[in-house]
Full PDB file with SEQRES, HELIX, SHEET, SSBOND, CRYST1, ORIGX, SCALE, CONECT and MASTER records, all heavy atoms in Angstrom:
SEQRES   1 A   32  GLN GLN GLY HIS ARG ILE THR PHE LEU GLY LEU SER ALA          
SEQRES   2 A   32  ALA ASP ALA PHE LYS GLY ILE GLU PHE VAL ASP ASP ARG          
SEQRES   3 A   32  SER LEU ALA SER LYS VAL                                      
HELIX    1 AA1 GLN A    2  SER A   12  1                                  11    
HELIX    2 AA2 LEU A   28  LYS A   31  1                                   4    
CRYST1    1.000    1.000    1.000  90.00  90.00  90.00 P 1           1          
ORIGX1      1.000000  0.000000  0.000000        0.00000                         
ORIGX2      0.000000  1.000000  0.000000        0.00000                         
ORIGX3      0.000000  0.000000  1.000000        0.00000                         
SCALE1      1.000000  0.000000  0.000000        0.00000                         
SCALE2      0.000000  1.000000  0.000000        0.00000                         
SCALE3      0.000000  0.000000  1.000000        0.00000                         
ATOM      1  N   GLN A   1     118.164  11.508 -45.183  1.00  0.00           N  
ATOM      2  CA  GLN A   1     118.546  10.726 -43.960  1.00  0.00           C  
ATOM      3  C   GLN A   1     118.855   9.256 -44.358  1.00  0.00           C  
ATOM      4  O   GLN A   1     119.818   8.714 -43.903  1.00  0.00           O  
ATOM      5  CB  GLN A   1     117.508  10.802 -42.924  1.00  0.00           C  
ATOM      6  CG  GLN A   1     117.371  12.083 -42.209  1.00  0.00           C  
ATOM      7  CD  GLN A   1     116.241  12.123 -41.199  1.00  0.00           C  
ATOM      8  OE1 GLN A   1     115.479  11.165 -41.056  1.00  0.00           O  
ATOM      9  NE2 GLN A   1     116.148  13.201 -40.484  1.00  0.00           N  
ATOM     10  N   GLN A   2     118.000   8.720 -45.158  1.00  0.00           N  
ATOM     11  CA  GLN A   2     118.203   7.325 -45.599  1.00  0.00           C  
ATOM     12  C   GLN A   2     119.432   7.265 -46.522  1.00  0.00           C  
ATOM     13  O   GLN A   2     120.157   6.243 -46.409  1.00  0.00           O  
ATOM     14  CB  GLN A   2     116.922   6.786 -46.315  1.00  0.00           C  
ATOM     15  CG  GLN A   2     116.987   5.303 -46.575  1.00  0.00           C  
ATOM     16  CD  GLN A   2     116.954   4.485 -45.332  1.00  0.00           C  
ATOM     17  OE1 GLN A   2     116.702   4.935 -44.225  1.00  0.00           O  
ATOM     18  NE2 GLN A   2     117.268   3.246 -45.468  1.00  0.00           N  
ATOM     19  N   GLY A   3     119.657   8.226 -47.307  1.00  0.00           N  
ATOM     20  CA  GLY A   3     120.867   8.261 -48.131  1.00  0.00           C  
ATOM     21  C   GLY A   3     122.086   8.271 -47.272  1.00  0.00           C  
ATOM     22  O   GLY A   3     123.110   7.604 -47.611  1.00  0.00           O  
ATOM     23  N   HIS A   4     122.050   9.008 -46.168  1.00  0.00           N  
ATOM     24  CA  HIS A   4     123.204   9.033 -45.275  1.00  0.00           C  
ATOM     25  C   HIS A   4     123.415   7.684 -44.633  1.00  0.00           C  
ATOM     26  O   HIS A   4     124.566   7.227 -44.470  1.00  0.00           O  
ATOM     27  CB  HIS A   4     123.015  10.092 -44.205  1.00  0.00           C  
ATOM     28  CG  HIS A   4     123.238  11.469 -44.678  1.00  0.00           C  
ATOM     29  ND1 HIS A   4     122.157  12.317 -44.989  1.00  0.00           N  
ATOM     30  CD2 HIS A   4     124.336  12.176 -44.940  1.00  0.00           C  
ATOM     31  CE1 HIS A   4     122.650  13.452 -45.425  1.00  0.00           C  
ATOM     32  NE2 HIS A   4     123.963  13.403 -45.387  1.00  0.00           N  
ATOM     33  N   ARG A   5     122.344   7.033 -44.290  1.00  0.00           N  
ATOM     34  CA  ARG A   5     122.468   5.702 -43.624  1.00  0.00           C  
ATOM     35  C   ARG A   5     123.017   4.696 -44.649  1.00  0.00           C  
ATOM     36  O   ARG A   5     123.858   3.872 -44.268  1.00  0.00           O  
ATOM     37  CB  ARG A   5     121.097   5.245 -43.140  1.00  0.00           C  
ATOM     38  CG  ARG A   5     120.586   5.958 -41.936  1.00  0.00           C  
ATOM     39  CD  ARG A   5     119.304   5.408 -41.438  1.00  0.00           C  
ATOM     40  NE  ARG A   5     118.715   6.309 -40.481  1.00  0.00           N  
ATOM     41  CZ  ARG A   5     117.643   7.092 -40.668  1.00  0.00           C  
ATOM     42  NH1 ARG A   5     117.009   7.057 -41.804  1.00  0.00           N  
ATOM     43  NH2 ARG A   5     117.220   7.901 -39.737  1.00  0.00           N  
ATOM     44  N   ILE A   6     122.575   4.763 -45.902  1.00  0.00           N  
ATOM     45  CA  ILE A   6     123.088   3.809 -46.908  1.00  0.00           C  
ATOM     46  C   ILE A   6     124.556   4.079 -47.130  1.00  0.00           C  
ATOM     47  O   ILE A   6     125.331   3.185 -47.227  1.00  0.00           O  
ATOM     48  CB  ILE A   6     122.289   3.970 -48.199  1.00  0.00           C  
ATOM     49  CG1 ILE A   6     120.834   3.395 -48.010  1.00  0.00           C  
ATOM     50  CG2 ILE A   6     122.969   3.281 -49.357  1.00  0.00           C  
ATOM     51  CD1 ILE A   6     119.909   3.668 -49.164  1.00  0.00           C  
ATOM     52  N   THR A   7     124.942   5.368 -47.238  1.00  0.00           N  
ATOM     53  CA  THR A   7     126.337   5.724 -47.456  1.00  0.00           C  
ATOM     54  C   THR A   7     127.213   5.283 -46.273  1.00  0.00           C  
ATOM     55  O   THR A   7     128.293   4.706 -46.509  1.00  0.00           O  
ATOM     56  CB  THR A   7     126.481   7.246 -47.656  1.00  0.00           C  
ATOM     57  OG1 THR A   7     125.664   7.628 -48.748  1.00  0.00           O  
ATOM     58  CG2 THR A   7     127.922   7.587 -47.984  1.00  0.00           C  
ATOM     59  N   PHE A   8     126.717   5.500 -45.079  1.00  0.00           N  
ATOM     60  CA  PHE A   8     127.470   5.065 -43.887  1.00  0.00           C  
ATOM     61  C   PHE A   8     127.675   3.564 -43.883  1.00  0.00           C  
ATOM     62  O   PHE A   8     128.775   3.081 -43.613  1.00  0.00           O  
ATOM     63  CB  PHE A   8     126.794   5.536 -42.635  1.00  0.00           C  
ATOM     64  CG  PHE A   8     127.461   5.117 -41.398  1.00  0.00           C  
ATOM     65  CD1 PHE A   8     128.614   5.820 -40.954  1.00  0.00           C  
ATOM     66  CD2 PHE A   8     127.024   4.059 -40.592  1.00  0.00           C  
ATOM     67  CE1 PHE A   8     129.246   5.465 -39.793  1.00  0.00           C  
ATOM     68  CE2 PHE A   8     127.702   3.702 -39.436  1.00  0.00           C  
ATOM     69  CZ  PHE A   8     128.838   4.417 -39.054  1.00  0.00           C  
ATOM     70  N   LEU A   9     126.635   2.808 -44.196  1.00  0.00           N  
ATOM     71  CA  LEU A   9     126.699   1.336 -44.228  1.00  0.00           C  
ATOM     72  C   LEU A   9     127.639   0.905 -45.357  1.00  0.00           C  
ATOM     73  O   LEU A   9     128.449  -0.023 -45.183  1.00  0.00           O  
ATOM     74  CB  LEU A   9     125.332   0.741 -44.357  1.00  0.00           C  
ATOM     75  CG  LEU A   9     125.294  -0.794 -44.324  1.00  0.00           C  
ATOM     76  CD1 LEU A   9     125.786  -1.295 -42.993  1.00  0.00           C  
ATOM     77  CD2 LEU A   9     123.867  -1.253 -44.495  1.00  0.00           C  
ATOM     78  N   GLY A  10     127.578   1.569 -46.489  1.00  0.00           N  
ATOM     79  CA  GLY A  10     128.466   1.220 -47.610  1.00  0.00           C  
ATOM     80  C   GLY A  10     129.882   1.497 -47.279  1.00  0.00           C  
ATOM     81  O   GLY A  10     130.782   0.758 -47.788  1.00  0.00           O  
ATOM     82  N   LEU A  11     130.157   2.551 -46.537  1.00  0.00           N  
ATOM     83  CA  LEU A  11     131.548   2.821 -46.167  1.00  0.00           C  
ATOM     84  C   LEU A  11     132.028   1.899 -45.033  1.00  0.00           C  
ATOM     85  O   LEU A  11     133.225   1.567 -44.952  1.00  0.00           O  
ATOM     86  CB  LEU A  11     131.643   4.280 -45.686  1.00  0.00           C  
ATOM     87  CG  LEU A  11     131.433   5.342 -46.768  1.00  0.00           C  
ATOM     88  CD1 LEU A  11     131.370   6.706 -46.146  1.00  0.00           C  
ATOM     89  CD2 LEU A  11     132.590   5.282 -47.758  1.00  0.00           C  
ATOM     90  N   SER A  12     131.099   1.453 -44.184  1.00  0.00           N  
ATOM     91  CA  SER A  12     131.463   0.616 -43.058  1.00  0.00           C  
ATOM     92  C   SER A  12     131.717  -0.831 -43.511  1.00  0.00           C  
ATOM     93  O   SER A  12     132.660  -1.488 -43.079  1.00  0.00           O  
ATOM     94  CB  SER A  12     130.413   0.606 -42.039  1.00  0.00           C  
ATOM     95  OG  SER A  12     130.208   1.969 -41.504  1.00  0.00           O  
ATOM     96  N   ALA A  13     130.818  -1.352 -44.329  1.00  0.00           N  
ATOM     97  CA  ALA A  13     130.943  -2.750 -44.790  1.00  0.00           C  
ATOM     98  C   ALA A  13     131.243  -2.667 -46.303  1.00  0.00           C  
ATOM     99  O   ALA A  13     130.409  -2.188 -47.066  1.00  0.00           O  
ATOM    100  CB  ALA A  13     129.646  -3.525 -44.530  1.00  0.00           C  
ATOM    101  N   ALA A  14     132.377  -3.183 -46.674  1.00  0.00           N  
ATOM    102  CA  ALA A  14     132.823  -3.011 -48.063  1.00  0.00           C  
ATOM    103  C   ALA A  14     131.886  -3.560 -49.095  1.00  0.00           C  
ATOM    104  O   ALA A  14     131.624  -2.945 -50.118  1.00  0.00           O  
ATOM    105  CB  ALA A  14     134.214  -3.649 -48.211  1.00  0.00           C  
ATOM    106  N   ASP A  15     131.315  -4.727 -48.865  1.00  0.00           N  
ATOM    107  CA  ASP A  15     130.450  -5.348 -49.884  1.00  0.00           C  
ATOM    108  C   ASP A  15     128.992  -5.389 -49.390  1.00  0.00           C  
ATOM    109  O   ASP A  15     128.320  -6.429 -49.576  1.00  0.00           O  
ATOM    110  CB  ASP A  15     130.949  -6.763 -50.168  1.00  0.00           C  
ATOM    111  CG  ASP A  15     132.289  -6.744 -50.831  1.00  0.00           C  
ATOM    112  OD1 ASP A  15     132.576  -5.779 -51.597  1.00  0.00           O  
ATOM    113  OD2 ASP A  15     133.086  -7.680 -50.599  1.00  0.00           O  
ATOM    114  N   ALA A  16     128.509  -4.299 -48.814  1.00  0.00           N  
ATOM    115  CA  ALA A  16     127.148  -4.263 -48.293  1.00  0.00           C  
ATOM    116  C   ALA A  16     126.100  -4.289 -49.389  1.00  0.00           C  
ATOM    117  O   ALA A  16     125.051  -4.818 -49.297  1.00  0.00           O  
ATOM    118  CB  ALA A  16     126.948  -3.052 -47.395  1.00  0.00           C  
ATOM    119  N   PHE A  17     126.447  -3.619 -50.521  1.00  0.00           N  
ATOM    120  CA  PHE A  17     125.556  -3.499 -51.679  1.00  0.00           C  
ATOM    121  C   PHE A  17     126.266  -3.990 -52.906  1.00  0.00           C  
ATOM    122  O   PHE A  17     127.437  -3.668 -53.155  1.00  0.00           O  
ATOM    123  CB  PHE A  17     125.076  -2.073 -51.904  1.00  0.00           C  
ATOM    124  CG  PHE A  17     124.329  -1.524 -50.759  1.00  0.00           C  
ATOM    125  CD1 PHE A  17     124.933  -0.815 -49.731  1.00  0.00           C  
ATOM    126  CD2 PHE A  17     122.935  -1.754 -50.669  1.00  0.00           C  
ATOM    127  CE1 PHE A  17     124.215  -0.330 -48.660  1.00  0.00           C  
ATOM    128  CE2 PHE A  17     122.220  -1.243 -49.607  1.00  0.00           C  
ATOM    129  CZ  PHE A  17     122.836  -0.515 -48.595  1.00  0.00           C  
ATOM    130  N   LYS A  18     125.581  -4.775 -53.700  1.00  0.00           N  
ATOM    131  CA  LYS A  18     126.131  -5.237 -54.961  1.00  0.00           C  
ATOM    132  C   LYS A  18     125.598  -4.357 -56.094  1.00  0.00           C  
ATOM    133  O   LYS A  18     124.382  -4.053 -56.163  1.00  0.00           O  
ATOM    134  CB  LYS A  18     125.642  -6.684 -55.249  1.00  0.00           C  
ATOM    135  CG  LYS A  18     126.192  -7.290 -56.492  1.00  0.00           C  
ATOM    136  CD  LYS A  18     125.693  -8.718 -56.658  1.00  0.00           C  
ATOM    137  CE  LYS A  18     126.194  -9.323 -57.887  1.00  0.00           C  
ATOM    138  NZ  LYS A  18     125.655 -10.680 -58.072  1.00  0.00           N  
ATOM    139  N   GLY A  19     126.515  -3.825 -56.912  1.00  0.00           N  
ATOM    140  CA  GLY A  19     126.098  -2.916 -58.020  1.00  0.00           C  
ATOM    141  C   GLY A  19     126.378  -1.487 -57.719  1.00  0.00           C  
ATOM    142  O   GLY A  19     126.110  -0.635 -58.572  1.00  0.00           O  
ATOM    143  N   ILE A  20     126.902  -1.133 -56.578  1.00  0.00           N  
ATOM    144  CA  ILE A  20     127.325   0.234 -56.298  1.00  0.00           C  
ATOM    145  C   ILE A  20     128.652   0.216 -55.542  1.00  0.00           C  
ATOM    146  O   ILE A  20     128.857  -0.609 -54.657  1.00  0.00           O  
ATOM    147  CB  ILE A  20     126.198   0.938 -55.451  1.00  0.00           C  
ATOM    148  CG1 ILE A  20     126.601   2.392 -55.232  1.00  0.00           C  
ATOM    149  CG2 ILE A  20     125.978   0.247 -54.129  1.00  0.00           C  
ATOM    150  CD1 ILE A  20     125.452   3.207 -54.554  1.00  0.00           C  
ATOM    151  N   GLU A  21     129.583   1.020 -56.006  1.00  0.00           N  
ATOM    152  CA  GLU A  21     130.875   1.118 -55.393  1.00  0.00           C  
ATOM    153  C   GLU A  21     130.979   2.455 -54.667  1.00  0.00           C  
ATOM    154  O   GLU A  21     130.726   3.507 -55.271  1.00  0.00           O  
ATOM    155  CB  GLU A  21     131.955   0.960 -56.441  1.00  0.00           C  
ATOM    156  CG  GLU A  21     133.318   0.841 -55.891  1.00  0.00           C  
ATOM    157  CD  GLU A  21     134.363   0.597 -56.948  1.00  0.00           C  
ATOM    158  OE1 GLU A  21     133.966   0.329 -58.115  1.00  0.00           O  
ATOM    159  OE2 GLU A  21     135.538   0.724 -56.686  1.00  0.00           O  
ATOM    160  N   PHE A  22     131.359   2.435 -53.446  1.00  0.00           N  
ATOM    161  CA  PHE A  22     131.443   3.665 -52.643  1.00  0.00           C  
ATOM    162  C   PHE A  22     132.847   4.229 -52.787  1.00  0.00           C  
ATOM    163  O   PHE A  22     133.709   4.038 -51.916  1.00  0.00           O  
ATOM    164  CB  PHE A  22     131.063   3.343 -51.178  1.00  0.00           C  
ATOM    165  CG  PHE A  22     129.602   3.052 -50.995  1.00  0.00           C  
ATOM    166  CD1 PHE A  22     129.159   1.756 -51.166  1.00  0.00           C  
ATOM    167  CD2 PHE A  22     128.723   4.046 -50.677  1.00  0.00           C  
ATOM    168  CE1 PHE A  22     127.774   1.446 -51.044  1.00  0.00           C  
ATOM    169  CE2 PHE A  22     127.393   3.775 -50.563  1.00  0.00           C  
ATOM    170  CZ  PHE A  22     126.926   2.484 -50.703  1.00  0.00           C  
ATOM    171  N   VAL A  23     133.039   4.955 -53.869  1.00  0.00           N  
ATOM    172  CA  VAL A  23     134.325   5.638 -54.133  1.00  0.00           C  
ATOM    173  C   VAL A  23     134.060   7.101 -54.288  1.00  0.00           C  
ATOM    174  O   VAL A  23     132.931   7.571 -54.452  1.00  0.00           O  
ATOM    175  CB  VAL A  23     135.000   5.051 -55.451  1.00  0.00           C  
ATOM    176  CG1 VAL A  23     135.412   3.620 -55.215  1.00  0.00           C  
ATOM    177  CG2 VAL A  23     134.094   5.154 -56.612  1.00  0.00           C  
ATOM    178  N   ASP A  24     135.162   7.879 -54.273  1.00  0.00           N  
ATOM    179  CA  ASP A  24     135.058   9.335 -54.432  1.00  0.00           C  
ATOM    180  C   ASP A  24     134.651   9.660 -55.837  1.00  0.00           C  
ATOM    181  O   ASP A  24     135.549   9.780 -56.709  1.00  0.00           O  
ATOM    182  CB  ASP A  24     136.368   9.950 -53.995  1.00  0.00           C  
ATOM    183  CG  ASP A  24     136.256  11.452 -53.897  1.00  0.00           C  
ATOM    184  OD1 ASP A  24     135.145  12.006 -53.953  1.00  0.00           O  
ATOM    185  OD2 ASP A  24     137.340  12.104 -53.756  1.00  0.00           O  
ATOM    186  N   ASP A  25     133.418   9.820 -56.063  1.00  0.00           N  
ATOM    187  CA  ASP A  25     132.885  10.035 -57.439  1.00  0.00           C  
ATOM    188  C   ASP A  25     131.664  10.924 -57.334  1.00  0.00           C  
ATOM    189  O   ASP A  25     130.887  10.800 -56.408  1.00  0.00           O  
ATOM    190  CB  ASP A  25     132.554   8.693 -58.058  1.00  0.00           C  
ATOM    191  CG  ASP A  25     132.223   8.766 -59.494  1.00  0.00           C  
ATOM    192  OD1 ASP A  25     132.227   9.869 -60.077  1.00  0.00           O  
ATOM    193  OD2 ASP A  25     131.855   7.706 -60.051  1.00  0.00           O  
ATOM    194  N   ARG A  26     131.508  11.794 -58.311  1.00  0.00           N  
ATOM    195  CA  ARG A  26     130.276  12.704 -58.272  1.00  0.00           C  
ATOM    196  C   ARG A  26     128.997  11.939 -58.396  1.00  0.00           C  
ATOM    197  O   ARG A  26     127.971  12.395 -57.968  1.00  0.00           O  
ATOM    198  CB  ARG A  26     130.412  13.700 -59.448  1.00  0.00           C  
ATOM    199  CG  ARG A  26     131.451  14.758 -59.204  1.00  0.00           C  
ATOM    200  CD  ARG A  26     131.474  15.677 -60.413  1.00  0.00           C  
ATOM    201  NE  ARG A  26     132.343  16.765 -60.139  1.00  0.00           N  
ATOM    202  CZ  ARG A  26     131.906  18.047 -60.123  1.00  0.00           C  
ATOM    203  NH1 ARG A  26     130.700  18.325 -60.392  1.00  0.00           N  
ATOM    204  NH2 ARG A  26     132.776  19.000 -59.837  1.00  0.00           N  
ATOM    205  N   SER A  27     129.015  10.770 -59.019  1.00  0.00           N  
ATOM    206  CA  SER A  27     127.798  10.073 -59.259  1.00  0.00           C  
ATOM    207  C   SER A  27     127.363   9.223 -58.071  1.00  0.00           C  
ATOM    208  O   SER A  27     126.285   8.581 -58.066  1.00  0.00           O  
ATOM    209  CB  SER A  27     127.939   9.158 -60.449  1.00  0.00           C  
ATOM    210  OG  SER A  27     128.857   8.122 -60.214  1.00  0.00           O  
ATOM    211  N   LEU A  28     128.136   9.190 -56.979  1.00  0.00           N  
ATOM    212  CA  LEU A  28     127.773   8.384 -55.809  1.00  0.00           C  
ATOM    213  C   LEU A  28     126.454   8.860 -55.201  1.00  0.00           C  
ATOM    214  O   LEU A  28     125.592   8.014 -54.871  1.00  0.00           O  
ATOM    215  CB  LEU A  28     128.870   8.402 -54.757  1.00  0.00           C  
ATOM    216  CG  LEU A  28     128.581   7.640 -53.470  1.00  0.00           C  
ATOM    217  CD1 LEU A  28     128.410   6.138 -53.783  1.00  0.00           C  
ATOM    218  CD2 LEU A  28     129.640   7.826 -52.419  1.00  0.00           C  
ATOM    219  N   ALA A  29     126.249  10.153 -55.063  1.00  0.00           N  
ATOM    220  CA  ALA A  29     125.009  10.639 -54.464  1.00  0.00           C  
ATOM    221  C   ALA A  29     123.823  10.244 -55.284  1.00  0.00           C  
ATOM    222  O   ALA A  29     122.801   9.837 -54.725  1.00  0.00           O  
ATOM    223  CB  ALA A  29     125.097  12.189 -54.349  1.00  0.00           C  
ATOM    224  N   SER A  30     123.917  10.372 -56.599  1.00  0.00           N  
ATOM    225  CA  SER A  30     122.749   9.979 -57.426  1.00  0.00           C  
ATOM    226  C   SER A  30     122.492   8.467 -57.343  1.00  0.00           C  
ATOM    227  O   SER A  30     121.349   8.040 -57.314  1.00  0.00           O  
ATOM    228  CB  SER A  30     122.981  10.395 -58.860  1.00  0.00           C  
ATOM    229  OG  SER A  30     124.027   9.733 -59.449  1.00  0.00           O  
ATOM    230  N   LYS A  31     123.548   7.656 -57.247  1.00  0.00           N  
ATOM    231  CA  LYS A  31     123.373   6.200 -57.088  1.00  0.00           C  
ATOM    232  C   LYS A  31     122.702   5.911 -55.721  1.00  0.00           C  
ATOM    233  O   LYS A  31     121.854   4.980 -55.672  1.00  0.00           O  
ATOM    234  CB  LYS A  31     124.699   5.504 -57.175  1.00  0.00           C  
ATOM    235  CG  LYS A  31     125.301   5.525 -58.586  1.00  0.00           C  
ATOM    236  CD  LYS A  31     126.674   4.876 -58.578  1.00  0.00           C  
ATOM    237  CE  LYS A  31     127.355   5.027 -59.930  1.00  0.00           C  
ATOM    238  NZ  LYS A  31     128.722   4.506 -59.895  1.00  0.00           N  
ATOM    239  N   VAL A  32     123.131   6.551 -54.678  1.00  0.00           N  
ATOM    240  CA  VAL A  32     122.555   6.255 -53.385  1.00  0.00           C  
ATOM    241  C   VAL A  32     121.095   6.720 -53.333  1.00  0.00           C  
ATOM    242  O   VAL A  32     120.265   5.983 -52.800  1.00  0.00           O  
ATOM    243  CB  VAL A  32     123.391   6.989 -52.279  1.00  0.00           C  
ATOM    244  CG1 VAL A  32     122.682   6.989 -50.917  1.00  0.00           C  
ATOM    245  CG2 VAL A  32     124.738   6.341 -52.107  1.00  0.00           C  
TER     246      VAL A  32                                                      
MASTER        0    0    0    2    0    0    0    6  245    1    0    3          
END                                                                             
């Protein structure tokens, strides 16, 4: 659930997190 919230926020605000890029990549889930 928290991973979904982080992903949603990362997709909504482009620079919400420094050090993680929300792109179509297999490693996004592990980073989140």
